[in-house]
Amino acid sequence: MIHNTKIAVIIRSDLLGWQKVNVTAFLCSGVAATNPEIIGDKYKDGSGTEYLPMFGQPVFVYGADKDELLRALNRALSRNVKVAVYTEDMFKTDNDVDNRAVVEAVKQDALNLVGIAFYADSKTVDKIKGDLKFLQ
């Protein structure tokens, strides 16, 4: 199936493995929460057991350094694309209230980003991500 939209997650490449997975999961939750139309139908196995629905389209995860992340954020915002952000300071908190507080305490150009995620038409995603490669 060909999709004219997609979800992109851009993660800082120098993170530890568990951090990459954790940040990706949190960022995807932001995309899902604000775009319910991209959630597919529930799954059901041959025994009739139902499972939760997931995204009904591709999710691409790219690696970037700190400057590339900030550049992608700026590209997304300049195109009016809504973005989920995860900053390094969020690793030091243990709840959603404190997560929002550490982001709000820093101006946009000084965010110590470790990841962003967004949903847009495929051409816009490609322009935002530029020449970033898949996360290793």
N, C-alpha and C. Protein backbone atom coordinates (compact mmCIF):
# COMPACT_ATOMS: atom_id res chain seq x y z
N MET A 1 0.83 -1.17 0.00
CA MET A 1 0.00 0.00 0.00
C MET A 1 0.88 1.25 0.00
N ILE A 2 0.57 2.20 -0.83
CA ILE A 2 1.31 3.45 -0.91
C ILE A 2 0.62 4.48 -0.02
N HIS A 3 1.40 5.16 0.81
CA HIS A 3 0.87 6.20 1.69
C HIS A 3 1.39 7.55 1.25
N ASN A 4 0.54 8.55 1.26
CA ASN A 4 1.00 9.89 0.92
C ASN A 4 1.39 10.70 2.15
N THR A 5 1.29 10.07 3.31
CA THR A 5 1.75 10.67 4.57
C THR A 5 2.62 9.65 5.29
N LYS A 6 3.41 10.15 6.24
CA LYS A 6 4.21 9.24 7.05
C LYS A 6 4.59 9.92 8.36
N ILE A 7 5.07 9.11 9.25
CA ILE A 7 5.52 9.56 10.56
C ILE A 7 7.04 9.48 10.57
N ALA A 8 7.68 10.54 11.03
CA ALA A 8 9.14 10.54 11.14
C ALA A 8 9.53 10.77 12.59
N VAL A 9 10.50 10.00 13.03
CA VAL A 9 11.10 10.17 14.34
C VAL A 9 12.59 10.38 14.09
N ILE A 10 13.14 11.42 14.68
CA ILE A 10 14.57 11.70 14.52
C ILE A 10 15.19 11.68 15.92
N ILE A 11 16.15 10.78 16.10
CA ILE A 11 16.75 10.53 17.40
C ILE A 11 18.24 10.86 17.34
N ARG A 12 18.74 11.47 18.42
CA ARG A 12 20.17 11.76 18.47
C ARG A 12 20.95 10.44 18.50
N SER A 13 21.86 10.30 17.58
CA SER A 13 22.56 9.04 17.35
C SER A 13 23.46 8.60 18.50
N ASP A 14 23.91 9.53 19.34
CA ASP A 14 24.86 9.17 20.40
C ASP A 14 24.20 8.69 21.69
N LEU A 15 22.88 8.50 21.68
CA LEU A 15 22.20 8.02 22.88
C LEU A 15 22.51 6.54 23.11
N LEU A 16 22.34 6.11 24.34
CA LEU A 16 22.43 4.69 24.66
C LEU A 16 21.24 3.96 24.02
N GLY A 17 21.37 2.67 23.81
CA GLY A 17 20.32 1.90 23.16
C GLY A 17 18.97 2.04 23.84
N TRP A 18 18.94 1.90 25.16
CA TRP A 18 17.67 1.98 25.87
C TRP A 18 17.06 3.38 25.74
N GLN A 19 17.91 4.40 25.67
CA GLN A 19 17.41 5.77 25.53
C GLN A 19 16.78 5.97 24.15
N LYS A 20 17.39 5.42 23.11
CA LYS A 20 16.83 5.54 21.76
C LYS A 20 15.44 4.94 21.69
N VAL A 21 15.28 3.77 22.27
CA VAL A 21 13.99 3.08 22.24
C VAL A 21 12.97 3.84 23.09
N ASN A 22 13.38 4.27 24.27
CA ASN A 22 12.50 4.99 25.18
C ASN A 22 12.01 6.30 24.56
N VAL A 23 12.93 7.08 24.01
CA VAL A 23 12.58 8.36 23.40
C VAL A 23 11.67 8.14 22.20
N THR A 24 11.96 7.15 21.38
CA THR A 24 11.11 6.85 20.22
C THR A 24 9.68 6.56 20.66
N ALA A 25 9.52 5.75 21.70
CA ALA A 25 8.19 5.40 22.19
C ALA A 25 7.44 6.63 22.69
N PHE A 26 8.11 7.45 23.49
CA PHE A 26 7.46 8.64 24.01
C PHE A 26 7.06 9.60 22.89
N LEU A 27 7.95 9.81 21.94
CA LEU A 27 7.64 10.72 20.84
C LEU A 27 6.48 10.21 19.99
N CYS A 28 6.44 8.92 19.74
CA CYS A 28 5.34 8.36 18.95
C CYS A 28 4.00 8.53 19.66
N SER A 29 4.02 8.51 20.99
CA SER A 29 2.77 8.71 21.72
C SER A 29 2.21 10.11 21.47
N GLY A 30 3.09 11.08 21.32
CA GLY A 30 2.65 12.44 21.02
C GLY A 30 2.02 12.54 19.65
N VAL A 31 2.61 11.86 18.68
CA VAL A 31 2.05 11.86 17.33
C VAL A 31 0.68 11.18 17.33
N ALA A 32 0.59 10.04 18.01
CA ALA A 32 -0.67 9.30 18.05
C ALA A 32 -1.77 10.09 18.76
N ALA A 33 -1.41 10.75 19.85
CA ALA A 33 -2.40 11.48 20.65
C ALA A 33 -3.02 12.65 19.91
N THR A 34 -2.28 13.23 18.98
CA THR A 34 -2.79 14.43 18.29
C THR A 34 -3.28 14.14 16.88
N ASN A 35 -3.16 12.90 16.44
CA ASN A 35 -3.59 12.52 15.09
C ASN A 35 -4.35 11.20 15.12
N PRO A 36 -5.53 11.16 15.74
CA PRO A 36 -6.23 9.87 15.87
C PRO A 36 -6.58 9.22 14.54
N GLU A 37 -6.63 10.00 13.47
CA GLU A 37 -6.98 9.45 12.16
C GLU A 37 -5.91 8.52 11.60
N ILE A 38 -4.71 8.53 12.17
CA ILE A 38 -3.65 7.68 11.65
C ILE A 38 -3.56 6.33 12.37
N ILE A 39 -4.49 6.11 13.30
CA ILE A 39 -4.52 4.84 14.02
C ILE A 39 -5.39 3.86 13.24
N GLY A 40 -4.85 2.68 13.01
CA GLY A 40 -5.59 1.64 12.28
C GLY A 40 -6.61 0.94 13.16
N ASP A 41 -7.13 -0.15 12.65
CA ASP A 41 -8.12 -0.93 13.39
C ASP A 41 -7.44 -1.87 14.38
N LYS A 42 -8.23 -2.38 15.32
CA LYS A 42 -7.73 -3.36 16.28
C LYS A 42 -7.26 -4.60 15.52
N TYR A 43 -6.33 -5.31 16.12
CA TYR A 43 -5.88 -6.60 15.60
C TYR A 43 -6.65 -7.70 16.31
N LYS A 44 -6.79 -8.84 15.62
CA LYS A 44 -7.42 -9.99 16.23
C LYS A 44 -6.73 -11.23 15.70
N ASP A 45 -6.38 -12.14 16.61
CA ASP A 45 -5.73 -13.37 16.16
C ASP A 45 -6.77 -14.43 15.81
N GLY A 46 -6.31 -15.57 15.35
CA GLY A 46 -7.19 -16.64 14.91
C GLY A 46 -8.05 -17.22 16.02
N SER A 47 -7.71 -16.96 17.28
CA SER A 47 -8.50 -17.42 18.42
C SER A 47 -9.56 -16.41 18.83
N GLY A 48 -9.55 -15.25 18.18
CA GLY A 48 -10.52 -14.21 18.50
C GLY A 48 -10.05 -13.23 19.56
N THR A 49 -8.82 -13.38 20.04
CA THR A 49 -8.28 -12.45 21.03
C THR A 49 -7.97 -11.12 20.35
N GLU A 50 -8.47 -10.04 20.91
CA GLU A 50 -8.23 -8.71 20.33
C GLU A 50 -6.98 -8.08 20.92
N TYR A 51 -6.32 -7.29 20.07
CA TYR A 51 -5.11 -6.55 20.45
C TYR A 51 -5.29 -5.09 20.07
N LEU A 52 -4.50 -4.25 20.68
CA LEU A 52 -4.61 -2.81 20.45
C LEU A 52 -4.31 -2.43 19.00
N PRO A 53 -4.97 -1.38 18.53
CA PRO A 53 -4.64 -0.87 17.19
C PRO A 53 -3.29 -0.15 17.23
N MET A 54 -2.69 -0.01 16.07
CA MET A 54 -1.41 0.70 15.93
C MET A 54 -1.53 1.67 14.77
N PHE A 55 -0.42 2.36 14.50
CA PHE A 55 -0.41 3.25 13.35
C PHE A 55 -0.77 2.46 12.10
N GLY A 56 -1.54 3.07 11.23
CA GLY A 56 -1.93 2.43 9.98
C GLY A 56 -1.05 2.87 8.82
N GLN A 57 0.14 3.36 9.11
CA GLN A 57 1.05 3.82 8.07
C GLN A 57 2.49 3.74 8.55
N PRO A 58 3.42 4.01 7.67
CA PRO A 58 4.83 3.83 8.02
C PRO A 58 5.34 4.83 9.06
N VAL A 59 6.26 4.32 9.88
CA VAL A 59 7.01 5.13 10.82
C VAL A 59 8.48 4.94 10.48
N PHE A 60 9.18 6.03 10.21
CA PHE A 60 10.60 5.98 9.86
C PHE A 60 11.39 6.63 10.97
N VAL A 61 12.46 5.97 11.41
CA VAL A 61 13.29 6.48 12.50
C VAL A 61 14.67 6.78 11.95
N TYR A 62 15.06 8.04 12.10
CA TYR A 62 16.33 8.53 11.56
C TYR A 62 17.26 8.93 12.70
N GLY A 63 18.56 8.89 12.42
CA GLY A 63 19.57 9.34 13.37
C GLY A 63 20.07 10.72 13.01
N ALA A 64 20.48 11.47 14.02
CA ALA A 64 20.97 12.82 13.79
C ALA A 64 21.89 13.24 14.93
N ASP A 65 22.71 14.26 14.68
CA ASP A 65 23.45 14.86 15.78
C ASP A 65 22.63 16.03 16.30
N LYS A 66 23.15 16.71 17.31
CA LYS A 66 22.42 17.79 17.97
C LYS A 66 22.03 18.90 16.98
N ASP A 67 22.96 19.31 16.15
CA ASP A 67 22.68 20.39 15.19
C ASP A 67 21.65 19.96 14.14
N GLU A 68 21.73 18.72 13.69
CA GLU A 68 20.78 18.22 12.70
C GLU A 68 19.37 18.15 13.29
N LEU A 69 19.29 17.78 14.56
CA LEU A 69 17.99 17.75 15.22
C LEU A 69 17.36 19.14 15.28
N LEU A 70 18.15 20.13 15.68
CA LEU A 70 17.64 21.49 15.77
C LEU A 70 17.24 22.01 14.38
N ARG A 71 18.03 21.68 13.37
CA ARG A 71 17.70 22.08 12.00
C ARG A 71 16.38 21.44 11.55
N ALA A 72 16.18 20.17 11.86
CA ALA A 72 14.94 19.50 11.49
C ALA A 72 13.76 20.11 12.24
N LEU A 73 13.95 20.43 13.51
CA LEU A 73 12.88 21.08 14.28
C LEU A 73 12.49 22.40 13.62
N ASN A 74 13.48 23.21 13.30
CA ASN A 74 13.20 24.50 12.68
C ASN A 74 12.52 24.35 11.32
N ARG A 75 12.94 23.35 10.55
CA ARG A 75 12.30 23.11 9.25
C ARG A 75 10.84 22.72 9.43
N ALA A 76 10.58 21.86 10.42
CA ALA A 76 9.21 21.43 10.67
C ALA A 76 8.34 22.62 11.11
N LEU A 77 8.83 23.39 12.06
CA LEU A 77 8.05 24.51 12.57
C LEU A 77 7.81 25.56 11.49
N SER A 78 8.80 25.77 10.61
CA SER A 78 8.62 26.75 9.54
C SER A 78 7.57 26.30 8.52
N ARG A 79 7.25 25.00 8.52
CA ARG A 79 6.22 24.46 7.62
C ARG A 79 4.91 24.21 8.36
N ASN A 80 4.81 24.74 9.58
CA ASN A 80 3.62 24.59 10.42
C ASN A 80 3.29 23.13 10.73
N VAL A 81 4.32 22.31 10.84
CA VAL A 81 4.15 20.91 11.21
C VAL A 81 4.27 20.81 12.73
N LYS A 82 3.29 20.18 13.37
CA LYS A 82 3.31 19.99 14.82
C LYS A 82 4.37 18.95 15.16
N VAL A 83 5.15 19.22 16.21
CA VAL A 83 6.29 18.38 16.55
C VAL A 83 6.23 17.96 18.02
N ALA A 84 6.53 16.70 18.28
CA ALA A 84 6.76 16.22 19.64
C ALA A 84 8.26 16.34 19.89
N VAL A 85 8.64 16.82 21.08
CA VAL A 85 10.06 16.97 21.40
C VAL A 85 10.40 16.20 22.67
N TYR A 86 11.64 15.75 22.72
CA TYR A 86 12.18 15.11 23.92
C TYR A 86 13.56 15.72 24.13
N THR A 87 13.78 16.28 25.32
CA THR A 87 15.07 16.91 25.61
C THR A 87 15.86 16.08 26.60
N GLU A 88 17.16 16.33 26.64
CA GLU A 88 18.03 15.57 27.54
C GLU A 88 17.61 15.74 29.00
N ASP A 89 17.11 16.93 29.35
CA ASP A 89 16.68 17.17 30.73
C ASP A 89 15.53 16.26 31.15
N MET A 90 14.77 15.77 30.20
CA MET A 90 13.64 14.90 30.53
C MET A 90 14.11 13.55 31.08
N PHE A 91 15.35 13.17 30.83
CA PHE A 91 15.88 11.93 31.42
C PHE A 91 16.02 12.05 32.94
N LYS A 92 16.05 13.28 33.45
CA LYS A 92 16.26 13.52 34.88
C LYS A 92 14.95 13.63 35.65
N THR A 93 13.82 13.55 34.97
CA THR A 93 12.53 13.67 35.63
C THR A 93 11.85 12.30 35.66
N ASP A 94 10.79 12.23 36.45
CA ASP A 94 10.07 10.96 36.51
C ASP A 94 8.56 11.13 36.37
N ASN A 95 8.15 12.27 35.81
CA ASN A 95 6.72 12.47 35.62
C ASN A 95 6.46 13.51 34.53
N ASP A 96 5.25 13.50 34.03
CA ASP A 96 4.88 14.34 32.90
C ASP A 96 4.90 15.83 33.24
N VAL A 97 4.50 16.18 34.45
CA VAL A 97 4.49 17.59 34.86
C VAL A 97 5.90 18.15 34.82
N ASP A 98 6.85 17.42 35.39
CA ASP A 98 8.24 17.88 35.39
C ASP A 98 8.84 17.88 33.99
N ASN A 99 8.42 16.93 33.15
CA ASN A 99 8.89 16.91 31.76
C ASN A 99 8.50 18.21 31.06
N ARG A 100 7.24 18.61 31.20
CA ARG A 100 6.80 19.85 30.57
C ARG A 100 7.54 21.05 31.14
N ALA A 101 7.81 21.03 32.44
CA ALA A 101 8.49 22.15 33.08
C ALA A 101 9.92 22.32 32.57
N VAL A 102 10.65 21.21 32.37
CA VAL A 102 12.04 21.35 31.89
C VAL A 102 12.09 21.82 30.45
N VAL A 103 11.09 21.49 29.66
CA VAL A 103 11.04 22.00 28.29
C VAL A 103 10.70 23.48 28.31
N GLU A 104 9.73 23.86 29.11
CA GLU A 104 9.30 25.26 29.16
C GLU A 104 10.37 26.19 29.71
N ALA A 105 11.31 25.66 30.46
CA ALA A 105 12.35 26.48 31.07
C ALA A 105 13.44 26.93 30.09
N VAL A 106 13.40 26.41 28.86
CA VAL A 106 14.46 26.66 27.89
C VAL A 106 13.87 27.25 26.61
N LYS A 107 14.51 28.25 26.06
CA LYS A 107 14.08 28.83 24.78
C LYS A 107 14.30 27.81 23.66
N GLN A 108 13.49 27.92 22.60
CA GLN A 108 13.51 26.95 21.50
C GLN A 108 14.91 26.70 20.95
N ASP A 109 15.67 27.75 20.67
CA ASP A 109 16.98 27.55 20.04
C ASP A 109 18.02 26.99 21.00
N ALA A 110 17.69 26.89 22.29
CA ALA A 110 18.61 26.33 23.27
C ALA A 110 18.17 24.96 23.78
N LEU A 111 17.10 24.41 23.22
CA LEU A 111 16.65 23.08 23.65
C LEU A 111 17.76 22.06 23.40
N ASN A 112 18.04 21.26 24.40
CA ASN A 112 19.04 20.19 24.25
C ASN A 112 18.29 18.94 23.78
N LEU A 113 17.94 18.95 22.50
CA LEU A 113 17.10 17.89 21.93
C LEU A 113 17.82 16.55 21.87
N VAL A 114 17.06 15.51 22.18
CA VAL A 114 17.54 14.15 21.92
C VAL A 114 16.62 13.46 20.93
N GLY A 115 15.46 14.08 20.64
CA GLY A 115 14.58 13.50 19.65
C GLY A 115 13.39 14.38 19.35
N ILE A 116 12.88 14.22 18.13
CA ILE A 116 11.63 14.86 17.70
C ILE A 116 10.84 13.85 16.88
N ALA A 117 9.55 14.09 16.78
CA ALA A 117 8.70 13.25 15.92
C ALA A 117 7.60 14.12 15.35
N PHE A 118 7.15 13.76 14.16
CA PHE A 118 6.10 14.52 13.51
C PHE A 118 5.43 13.66 12.44
N TYR A 119 4.27 14.13 12.02
CA TYR A 119 3.46 13.46 10.99
C TYR A 119 3.12 14.51 9.94
N ALA A 120 3.34 14.16 8.68
CA ALA A 120 3.05 15.10 7.60
C ALA A 120 2.98 14.33 6.29
N ASP A 121 2.65 15.06 5.22
CA ASP A 121 2.68 14.40 3.92
C ASP A 121 4.12 14.00 3.61
N SER A 122 4.27 12.99 2.81
CA SER A 122 5.59 12.38 2.56
C SER A 122 6.62 13.38 2.04
N LYS A 123 6.22 14.27 1.14
CA LYS A 123 7.16 15.23 0.58
C LYS A 123 7.65 16.21 1.65
N THR A 124 6.75 16.62 2.53
CA THR A 124 7.14 17.53 3.62
C THR A 124 8.09 16.84 4.58
N VAL A 125 7.79 15.59 4.93
CA VAL A 125 8.69 14.83 5.80
C VAL A 125 10.07 14.75 5.19
N ASP A 126 10.14 14.47 3.89
CA ASP A 126 11.44 14.34 3.22
C ASP A 126 12.20 15.66 3.24
N LYS A 127 11.51 16.78 3.08
CA LYS A 127 12.18 18.08 3.14
C LYS A 127 12.68 18.40 4.55
N ILE A 128 11.91 18.02 5.55
CA ILE A 128 12.30 18.29 6.93
C ILE A 128 13.49 17.45 7.33
N LYS A 129 13.49 16.18 6.99
CA LYS A 129 14.57 15.29 7.42
C LYS A 129 15.85 15.50 6.59
N GLY A 130 15.69 16.05 5.39
CA GLY A 130 16.88 16.27 4.55
C GLY A 130 17.56 14.96 4.23
N ASP A 131 18.89 14.92 4.39
CA ASP A 131 19.65 13.73 4.02
C ASP A 131 19.96 12.81 5.20
N LEU A 132 19.18 12.90 6.27
CA LEU A 132 19.39 12.02 7.42
C LEU A 132 19.20 10.57 7.03
N LYS A 133 19.96 9.69 7.65
CA LYS A 133 19.89 8.25 7.40
C LYS A 133 19.13 7.57 8.51
N PHE A 134 18.68 6.34 8.24
CA PHE A 134 17.99 5.56 9.28
C PHE A 134 18.88 5.37 10.49
N LEU A 135 18.25 5.39 11.67
CA LEU A 135 18.96 5.23 12.93
C LEU A 135 19.57 3.85 13.01
N GLN A 136 20.80 3.79 13.44
CA GLN A 136 21.49 2.50 13.63
C GLN A 136 21.48 2.09 15.08
